[in-house]
Amino acid sequence: MSSWLERWRKRKSDLAHGVDADLVRDNRNRYKLAFGLIGLGFLLGLLDSKIQIPSTLRSIVVGMVFMSIIGGFLLAAWARQEDAFLSKPDPEEPPRIFKR
């Protein structure tokens, strides 16, 4: 039987050697997009607070701020959960009755 730590180290080694590399790369891009959306939301919020914008356009900008920040946090949560799944070690094999 192998311990959880050994299986976790093996999974980290597999990820470093390219196993599921495309999933890890896509997840990294998801993190970048999430933080980009959050940054855009805060930038638009700052712009809204510094510049006098007409009422109709201001409501559109405020809506974009909220949608950008909420979307960014949702993407970041998704990426965090996928990272936890990808770095989780494989389950321990059940004991065998007959050895090969």
C-alpha atoms as a PDB file:
ATOM      1  CA  MET A   1       0.000   0.000   0.000  1.00  0.00           C
ATOM      2  CA  SER A   2       1.196   3.472  -0.822  1.00  0.00           C
ATOM      3  CA  SER A   3       0.528   6.481   1.330  1.00  0.00           C
ATOM      4  CA  TRP A   4      -1.385   9.535   0.247  1.00  0.00           C
ATOM      5  CA  LEU A   5       1.823  11.587   0.223  1.00  0.00           C
ATOM      6  CA  GLU A   6       3.553   9.176  -2.169  1.00  0.00           C
ATOM      7  CA  ARG A   7       0.584   9.199  -4.538  1.00  0.00           C
ATOM      8  CA  TRP A   8       0.433  13.004  -4.368  1.00  0.00           C
ATOM      9  CA  ARG A   9       4.154  13.254  -5.205  1.00  0.00           C
ATOM     10  CA  LYS A  10       3.674  10.857  -8.121  1.00  0.00           C
ATOM     11  CA  ARG A  11       0.781  12.981  -9.440  1.00  0.00           C
ATOM     12  CA  LYS A  12       2.891  16.144  -9.190  1.00  0.00           C
ATOM     13  CA  SER A  13       5.679  14.360 -11.050  1.00  0.00           C
ATOM     14  CA  ASP A  14       3.249  13.217 -13.750  1.00  0.00           C
ATOM     15  CA  LEU A  15       1.979  16.763 -14.176  1.00  0.00           C
ATOM     16  CA  ALA A  16       5.544  18.059 -14.421  1.00  0.00           C
ATOM     17  CA  HIS A  17       6.335  15.511 -17.122  1.00  0.00           C
ATOM     18  CA  GLY A  18       3.380  16.517 -19.300  1.00  0.00           C
ATOM     19  CA  VAL A  19       0.534  14.235 -18.277  1.00  0.00           C
ATOM     20  CA  ASP A  20      -2.652  16.300 -18.669  1.00  0.00           C
ATOM     21  CA  ALA A  21      -0.495  19.238 -19.765  1.00  0.00           C
ATOM     22  CA  ASP A  22      -3.246  20.592 -22.005  1.00  0.00           C
ATOM     23  CA  LEU A  23      -5.703  20.634 -19.079  1.00  0.00           C
ATOM     24  CA  VAL A  24      -3.196  22.424 -16.864  1.00  0.00           C
ATOM     25  CA  ARG A  25      -2.464  24.968 -19.629  1.00  0.00           C
ATOM     26  CA  ASP A  26      -6.172  25.623 -20.210  1.00  0.00           C
ATOM     27  CA  ASN A  27      -6.694  26.061 -16.473  1.00  0.00           C
ATOM     28  CA  ARG A  28      -3.800  28.535 -16.300  1.00  0.00           C
ATOM     29  CA  ASN A  29      -5.410  30.514 -19.139  1.00  0.00           C
ATOM     30  CA  ARG A  30      -8.709  30.441 -17.226  1.00  0.00           C
ATOM     31  CA  TYR A  31      -6.936  31.996 -14.216  1.00  0.00           C
ATOM     32  CA  LYS A  32      -5.485  34.726 -16.448  1.00  0.00           C
ATOM     33  CA  LEU A  33      -8.892  35.486 -17.958  1.00  0.00           C
ATOM     34  CA  ALA A  34     -10.521  35.570 -14.510  1.00  0.00           C
ATOM     35  CA  PHE A  35      -8.023  38.022 -13.082  1.00  0.00           C
ATOM     36  CA  GLY A  36      -8.182  40.070 -16.288  1.00  0.00           C
ATOM     37  CA  LEU A  37     -11.968  40.373 -15.930  1.00  0.00           C
ATOM     38  CA  ILE A  38     -11.665  41.350 -12.284  1.00  0.00           C
ATOM     39  CA  GLY A  39      -9.023  43.953 -13.172  1.00  0.00           C
ATOM     40  CA  LEU A  40     -11.184  45.307 -16.001  1.00  0.00           C
ATOM     41  CA  GLY A  41     -14.117  45.606 -13.626  1.00  0.00           C
ATOM     42  CA  PHE A  42     -12.101  47.571 -11.100  1.00  0.00           C
ATOM     43  CA  LEU A  43     -10.610  49.739 -13.854  1.00  0.00           C
ATOM     44  CA  LEU A  44     -14.080  50.544 -15.206  1.00  0.00           C
ATOM     45  CA  GLY A  45     -15.247  51.277 -11.661  1.00  0.00           C
ATOM     46  CA  LEU A  46     -12.349  53.659 -11.168  1.00  0.00           C
ATOM     47  CA  LEU A  47     -13.086  55.297 -14.510  1.00  0.00           C
ATOM     48  CA  ASP A  48     -16.732  55.705 -13.528  1.00  0.00           C
ATOM     49  CA  SER A  49     -15.800  57.360 -10.249  1.00  0.00           C
ATOM     50  CA  LYS A  50     -13.341  59.808 -11.836  1.00  0.00           C
ATOM     51  CA  ILE A  51     -15.205  60.836 -15.000  1.00  0.00           C
ATOM     52  CA  GLN A  52     -18.652  62.429 -15.176  1.00  0.00           C
ATOM     53  CA  ILE A  53     -20.670  60.146 -17.490  1.00  0.00           C
ATOM     54  CA  PRO A  54     -24.277  60.742 -18.658  1.00  0.00           C
ATOM     55  CA  SER A  55     -26.946  58.778 -16.794  1.00  0.00           C
ATOM     56  CA  THR A  56     -27.738  56.149 -19.455  1.00  0.00           C
ATOM     57  CA  LEU A  57     -24.110  55.426 -20.270  1.00  0.00           C
ATOM     58  CA  ARG A  58     -23.256  55.357 -16.566  1.00  0.00           C
ATOM     59  CA  SER A  59     -25.800  52.610 -15.874  1.00  0.00           C
ATOM     60  CA  ILE A  60     -24.314  50.572 -18.739  1.00  0.00           C
ATOM     61  CA  VAL A  61     -20.785  51.038 -17.355  1.00  0.00           C
ATOM     62  CA  VAL A  62     -21.888  50.105 -13.828  1.00  0.00           C
ATOM     63  CA  GLY A  63     -23.600  46.992 -15.215  1.00  0.00           C
ATOM     64  CA  MET A  64     -20.389  46.063 -17.067  1.00  0.00           C
ATOM     65  CA  VAL A  65     -18.413  46.582 -13.847  1.00  0.00           C
ATOM     66  CA  PHE A  66     -20.607  44.184 -11.880  1.00  0.00           C
ATOM     67  CA  MET A  67     -20.800  41.590 -14.658  1.00  0.00           C
ATOM     68  CA  SER A  68     -17.030  41.696 -15.166  1.00  0.00           C
ATOM     69  CA  ILE A  69     -16.213  41.315 -11.476  1.00  0.00           C
ATOM     70  CA  ILE A  70     -18.805  38.573 -10.885  1.00  0.00           C
ATOM     71  CA  GLY A  71     -17.732  36.716 -14.034  1.00  0.00           C
ATOM     72  CA  GLY A  72     -14.093  36.981 -12.991  1.00  0.00           C
ATOM     73  CA  PHE A  73     -14.783  35.574  -9.540  1.00  0.00           C
ATOM     74  CA  LEU A  74     -16.828  32.718 -11.004  1.00  0.00           C
ATOM     75  CA  LEU A  75     -14.043  31.833 -13.448  1.00  0.00           C
ATOM     76  CA  ALA A  76     -11.467  32.010 -10.659  1.00  0.00           C
ATOM     77  CA  ALA A  77     -13.555  29.669  -8.504  1.00  0.00           C
ATOM     78  CA  TRP A  78     -13.904  27.264 -11.430  1.00  0.00           C
ATOM     79  CA  ALA A  79     -10.152  27.344 -12.066  1.00  0.00           C
ATOM     80  CA  ARG A  80      -9.428  26.772  -8.366  1.00  0.00           C
ATOM     81  CA  GLN A  81     -11.697  23.719  -8.269  1.00  0.00           C
ATOM     82  CA  GLU A  82     -10.181  22.307 -11.451  1.00  0.00           C
ATOM     83  CA  ASP A  83      -6.679  22.849 -10.074  1.00  0.00           C
ATOM     84  CA  ALA A  84      -7.646  20.960  -6.919  1.00  0.00           C
ATOM     85  CA  PHE A  85      -9.000  18.134  -9.067  1.00  0.00           C
ATOM     86  CA  LEU A  86      -5.915  17.996 -11.310  1.00  0.00           C
ATOM     87  CA  SER A  87      -3.450  17.983  -8.421  1.00  0.00           C
ATOM     88  CA  LYS A  88      -5.366  15.366  -6.412  1.00  0.00           C
ATOM     89  CA  PRO A  89      -3.510  12.045  -6.330  1.00  0.00           C
ATOM     90  CA  ASP A  90      -5.000   8.974  -7.957  1.00  0.00           C
ATOM     91  CA  PRO A  91      -7.043   6.839  -5.572  1.00  0.00           C
ATOM     92  CA  GLU A  92      -5.355   3.946  -3.855  1.00  0.00           C
ATOM     93  CA  GLU A  93      -5.952   0.619  -5.569  1.00  0.00           C
ATOM     94  CA  PRO A  94      -8.057  -1.883  -3.639  1.00  0.00           C
ATOM     95  CA  PRO A  95      -6.249  -4.934  -2.270  1.00  0.00           C
ATOM     96  CA  ARG A  96      -6.036  -7.889  -4.631  1.00  0.00           C
ATOM     97  CA  ILE A  97      -6.843 -11.433  -3.689  1.00  0.00           C
ATOM     98  CA  PHE A  98      -4.644 -12.984  -6.320  1.00  0.00           C
ATOM     99  CA  LYS A  99      -1.199 -11.583  -7.050  1.00  0.00           C
ATOM    100  CA  ARG A 100      -0.010 -11.475 -10.622  1.00  0.00           C
END
